């Protein structure tokens, strides 16, 4: 099963970089390369995922700041807004 978390996303993005670098290698196999359009689409999707994670972090900070309670972050993470 695929992992859907930020470290896995980071790994995928580094793989895209490596595959882009392989584009200029004449000895690289076709499966080691990636076209620019696909790389851009992956990057745009990753940016959207990262932006949504930033919103979640800001939400948690806001809740923590308003209540002054650190335990609220744990409770907020269980809400439907932050779970899959």
N, C-alpha and C. Protein backbone atom coordinates (compact mmCIF):
# COMPACT_ATOMS: atom_id res chain seq x y z
N UNK A 1 0.85 -1.18 0.00
CA UNK A 1 0.00 0.00 0.00
C UNK A 1 0.89 1.25 0.00
N UNK A 2 0.54 2.22 -0.79
CA UNK A 2 1.32 3.45 -0.88
C UNK A 2 1.17 4.28 0.38
N UNK A 3 2.27 4.90 0.77
CA UNK A 3 2.22 5.79 1.92
C UNK A 3 1.82 7.18 1.42
N UNK A 4 0.90 7.80 2.12
CA UNK A 4 0.43 9.13 1.75
C UNK A 4 0.74 10.09 2.87
N UNK A 5 2.02 10.42 3.01
CA UNK A 5 2.42 11.38 4.03
C UNK A 5 3.52 12.27 3.43
N UNK A 6 3.89 13.30 4.16
CA UNK A 6 4.85 14.26 3.62
C UNK A 6 6.24 13.66 3.37
N UNK A 7 6.74 12.77 4.21
CA UNK A 7 8.03 12.15 3.87
C UNK A 7 7.96 11.33 2.57
N UNK A 8 6.85 10.64 2.34
CA UNK A 8 6.70 9.88 1.10
C UNK A 8 6.62 10.83 -0.09
N UNK A 9 5.93 11.94 0.08
CA UNK A 9 5.84 12.95 -0.97
C UNK A 9 7.23 13.47 -1.31
N UNK A 10 8.01 13.75 -0.29
CA UNK A 10 9.38 14.22 -0.48
C UNK A 10 10.18 13.19 -1.29
N UNK A 11 10.03 11.92 -0.95
CA UNK A 11 10.73 10.86 -1.69
C UNK A 11 10.31 10.84 -3.16
N UNK A 12 9.02 11.00 -3.42
CA UNK A 12 8.53 11.02 -4.80
C UNK A 12 9.11 12.20 -5.57
N UNK A 13 9.18 13.36 -4.91
CA UNK A 13 9.71 14.54 -5.59
C UNK A 13 11.20 14.39 -5.91
N UNK A 14 11.95 13.78 -5.01
CA UNK A 14 13.36 13.51 -5.30
C UNK A 14 13.50 12.51 -6.44
N UNK A 15 12.57 11.56 -6.52
CA UNK A 15 12.59 10.61 -7.64
C UNK A 15 12.34 11.35 -8.96
N UNK A 16 11.43 12.30 -8.96
CA UNK A 16 11.16 13.09 -10.16
C UNK A 16 12.43 13.84 -10.58
N UNK A 17 13.14 14.41 -9.63
CA UNK A 17 14.38 15.11 -9.94
C UNK A 17 15.39 14.16 -10.58
N UNK A 18 15.53 12.98 -9.99
CA UNK A 18 16.48 12.00 -10.54
C UNK A 18 16.08 11.59 -11.96
N UNK A 19 14.78 11.40 -12.18
CA UNK A 19 14.32 11.01 -13.52
C UNK A 19 14.51 12.14 -14.52
N UNK A 20 14.35 13.39 -14.07
CA UNK A 20 14.62 14.52 -14.97
C UNK A 20 16.09 14.57 -15.33
N UNK A 21 16.95 14.31 -14.37
CA UNK A 21 18.39 14.28 -14.64
C UNK A 21 18.74 13.17 -15.63
N UNK A 22 17.99 12.07 -15.59
CA UNK A 22 18.24 10.95 -16.50
C UNK A 22 17.86 11.27 -17.94
N UNK A 23 17.03 12.30 -18.13
CA UNK A 23 16.64 12.67 -19.49
C UNK A 23 17.85 12.99 -20.37
N UNK A 24 18.89 13.53 -19.77
CA UNK A 24 20.08 13.89 -20.56
C UNK A 24 21.10 12.76 -20.65
N UNK A 25 20.80 11.63 -20.04
CA UNK A 25 21.71 10.48 -20.07
C UNK A 25 21.31 9.56 -21.23
N UNK A 26 22.16 9.47 -22.26
CA UNK A 26 21.79 8.64 -23.41
C UNK A 26 21.72 7.15 -23.08
N UNK A 27 22.36 6.73 -22.00
CA UNK A 27 22.34 5.32 -21.61
C UNK A 27 21.18 4.97 -20.68
N UNK A 28 20.41 5.97 -20.25
CA UNK A 28 19.30 5.72 -19.33
C UNK A 28 18.15 5.03 -20.06
N UNK A 29 17.54 4.09 -19.39
CA UNK A 29 16.38 3.39 -19.92
C UNK A 29 15.17 4.33 -19.94
N UNK A 30 14.20 4.05 -20.77
CA UNK A 30 13.01 4.91 -20.86
C UNK A 30 12.27 5.02 -19.53
N UNK A 31 12.27 3.94 -18.73
CA UNK A 31 11.56 3.99 -17.45
C UNK A 31 12.31 4.81 -16.41
N UNK A 32 13.55 5.20 -16.71
CA UNK A 32 14.32 6.05 -15.80
C UNK A 32 14.15 7.53 -16.13
N UNK A 33 13.42 7.82 -17.18
CA UNK A 33 13.23 9.20 -17.63
C UNK A 33 11.79 9.65 -17.38
N UNK A 34 11.58 10.96 -17.44
CA UNK A 34 10.23 11.51 -17.26
C UNK A 34 10.12 12.74 -18.16
N UNK A 35 8.97 12.90 -18.79
CA UNK A 35 8.81 14.08 -19.63
C UNK A 35 8.50 15.30 -18.78
N UNK A 36 8.81 16.45 -19.31
CA UNK A 36 8.67 17.70 -18.57
C UNK A 36 7.21 17.95 -18.15
N UNK A 37 6.28 17.65 -19.01
CA UNK A 37 4.86 17.86 -18.68
C UNK A 37 4.42 17.04 -17.48
N UNK A 38 4.86 15.79 -17.44
CA UNK A 38 4.51 14.93 -16.31
C UNK A 38 5.18 15.43 -15.04
N UNK A 39 6.44 15.84 -15.15
CA UNK A 39 7.15 16.37 -13.98
C UNK A 39 6.45 17.62 -13.45
N UNK A 40 6.00 18.49 -14.34
CA UNK A 40 5.29 19.70 -13.91
C UNK A 40 3.97 19.35 -13.23
N UNK A 41 3.25 18.37 -13.78
CA UNK A 41 1.97 17.96 -13.18
C UNK A 41 2.19 17.39 -11.78
N UNK A 42 3.23 16.58 -11.62
CA UNK A 42 3.55 16.03 -10.30
C UNK A 42 3.90 17.14 -9.33
N UNK A 43 4.70 18.08 -9.78
CA UNK A 43 5.11 19.20 -8.94
C UNK A 43 3.93 20.06 -8.51
N UNK A 44 3.02 20.32 -9.43
CA UNK A 44 1.83 21.14 -9.11
C UNK A 44 0.96 20.40 -8.09
N UNK A 45 0.81 19.11 -8.26
CA UNK A 45 0.02 18.32 -7.32
C UNK A 45 0.67 18.32 -5.94
N UNK A 46 1.98 18.15 -5.92
CA UNK A 46 2.72 18.18 -4.65
C UNK A 46 2.56 19.53 -3.96
N UNK A 47 2.61 20.60 -4.73
CA UNK A 47 2.44 21.94 -4.15
C UNK A 47 1.06 22.07 -3.50
N UNK A 48 0.04 21.53 -4.13
CA UNK A 48 -1.30 21.57 -3.57
C UNK A 48 -1.36 20.81 -2.25
N UNK A 49 -0.74 19.64 -2.20
CA UNK A 49 -0.72 18.84 -0.97
C UNK A 49 0.02 19.58 0.13
N UNK A 50 1.16 20.17 -0.20
CA UNK A 50 1.95 20.92 0.78
C UNK A 50 1.17 22.14 1.28
N UNK A 51 0.51 22.84 0.37
CA UNK A 51 -0.29 24.00 0.78
C UNK A 51 -1.42 23.59 1.73
N UNK A 52 -2.04 22.44 1.48
CA UNK A 52 -3.11 22.00 2.37
C UNK A 52 -2.54 21.62 3.74
N UNK A 53 -1.35 21.06 3.78
CA UNK A 53 -0.71 20.74 5.06
C UNK A 53 -0.39 22.03 5.83
N UNK A 54 0.03 23.06 5.11
CA UNK A 54 0.29 24.36 5.75
C UNK A 54 -0.98 24.92 6.38
N UNK A 55 -2.10 24.78 5.70
CA UNK A 55 -3.39 25.25 6.24
C UNK A 55 -3.72 24.48 7.51
N UNK A 56 -3.49 23.17 7.51
CA UNK A 56 -3.76 22.38 8.70
C UNK A 56 -2.90 22.84 9.87
N UNK A 57 -1.63 23.11 9.61
CA UNK A 57 -0.73 23.57 10.67
C UNK A 57 -1.19 24.92 11.21
N UNK A 58 -1.56 25.83 10.32
CA UNK A 58 -2.05 27.14 10.76
C UNK A 58 -3.33 27.01 11.57
N UNK A 59 -4.20 26.09 11.18
CA UNK A 59 -5.43 25.84 11.93
C UNK A 59 -5.10 25.38 13.34
N UNK A 60 -4.16 24.45 13.45
CA UNK A 60 -3.78 23.94 14.76
C UNK A 60 -3.14 25.04 15.62
N UNK A 61 -2.34 25.89 15.00
CA UNK A 61 -1.74 27.01 15.73
C UNK A 61 -2.83 27.96 16.23
N UNK A 62 -3.81 28.23 15.39
CA UNK A 62 -4.89 29.14 15.76
C UNK A 62 -5.67 28.59 16.95
N UNK A 63 -6.00 27.33 16.90
CA UNK A 63 -6.73 26.72 18.02
C UNK A 63 -5.90 26.78 19.29
N UNK A 64 -4.63 26.48 19.19
CA UNK A 64 -3.75 26.50 20.34
C UNK A 64 -3.62 27.91 20.90
N UNK A 65 -3.47 28.90 20.02
CA UNK A 65 -3.33 30.30 20.46
C UNK A 65 -4.59 30.81 21.14
N UNK A 66 -5.76 30.45 20.60
CA UNK A 66 -7.02 30.95 21.15
C UNK A 66 -7.34 30.35 22.51
N UNK A 67 -6.98 29.11 22.71
CA UNK A 67 -7.33 28.44 23.96
C UNK A 67 -6.21 28.47 24.97
N UNK A 68 -4.98 28.61 24.48
CA UNK A 68 -3.84 28.57 25.38
C UNK A 68 -3.56 27.18 25.91
N UNK A 69 -4.26 26.19 25.38
CA UNK A 69 -4.09 24.82 25.84
C UNK A 69 -3.37 24.00 24.79
N UNK A 70 -2.34 23.31 25.20
CA UNK A 70 -1.60 22.49 24.24
C UNK A 70 -2.33 21.21 23.91
N UNK A 71 -3.17 20.73 24.79
CA UNK A 71 -3.91 19.50 24.55
C UNK A 71 -4.95 19.64 23.46
N UNK A 72 -5.32 20.86 23.13
CA UNK A 72 -6.33 21.09 22.10
C UNK A 72 -5.83 20.61 20.75
N UNK A 73 -4.53 20.70 20.52
CA UNK A 73 -3.98 20.27 19.23
C UNK A 73 -4.27 18.79 19.01
N UNK A 74 -4.11 17.99 20.03
CA UNK A 74 -4.37 16.56 19.88
C UNK A 74 -5.85 16.30 19.60
N UNK A 75 -6.72 17.02 20.27
CA UNK A 75 -8.15 16.84 20.03
C UNK A 75 -8.54 17.33 18.64
N UNK A 76 -7.96 18.45 18.21
CA UNK A 76 -8.29 19.00 16.90
C UNK A 76 -7.84 18.06 15.79
N UNK A 77 -6.76 17.34 15.99
CA UNK A 77 -6.28 16.43 14.96
C UNK A 77 -7.21 15.25 14.75
N UNK A 78 -8.12 15.02 15.67
CA UNK A 78 -9.06 13.91 15.55
C UNK A 78 -10.35 14.34 14.82
N UNK A 79 -10.50 15.62 14.54
CA UNK A 79 -11.73 16.10 13.90
C UNK A 79 -11.78 15.68 12.45
N UNK A 80 -12.96 15.77 11.88
CA UNK A 80 -13.13 15.38 10.47
C UNK A 80 -12.38 16.32 9.53
N UNK A 81 -12.02 17.50 10.00
CA UNK A 81 -11.33 18.45 9.15
C UNK A 81 -9.90 18.02 8.87
N UNK A 82 -9.33 17.24 9.74
CA UNK A 82 -7.92 16.92 9.61
C UNK A 82 -7.64 15.45 9.36
N UNK A 83 -8.64 14.64 9.30
CA UNK A 83 -8.43 13.21 9.09
C UNK A 83 -8.87 12.83 7.69
N UNK A 84 -8.38 11.69 7.25
CA UNK A 84 -8.71 11.23 5.90
C UNK A 84 -10.06 10.55 5.86
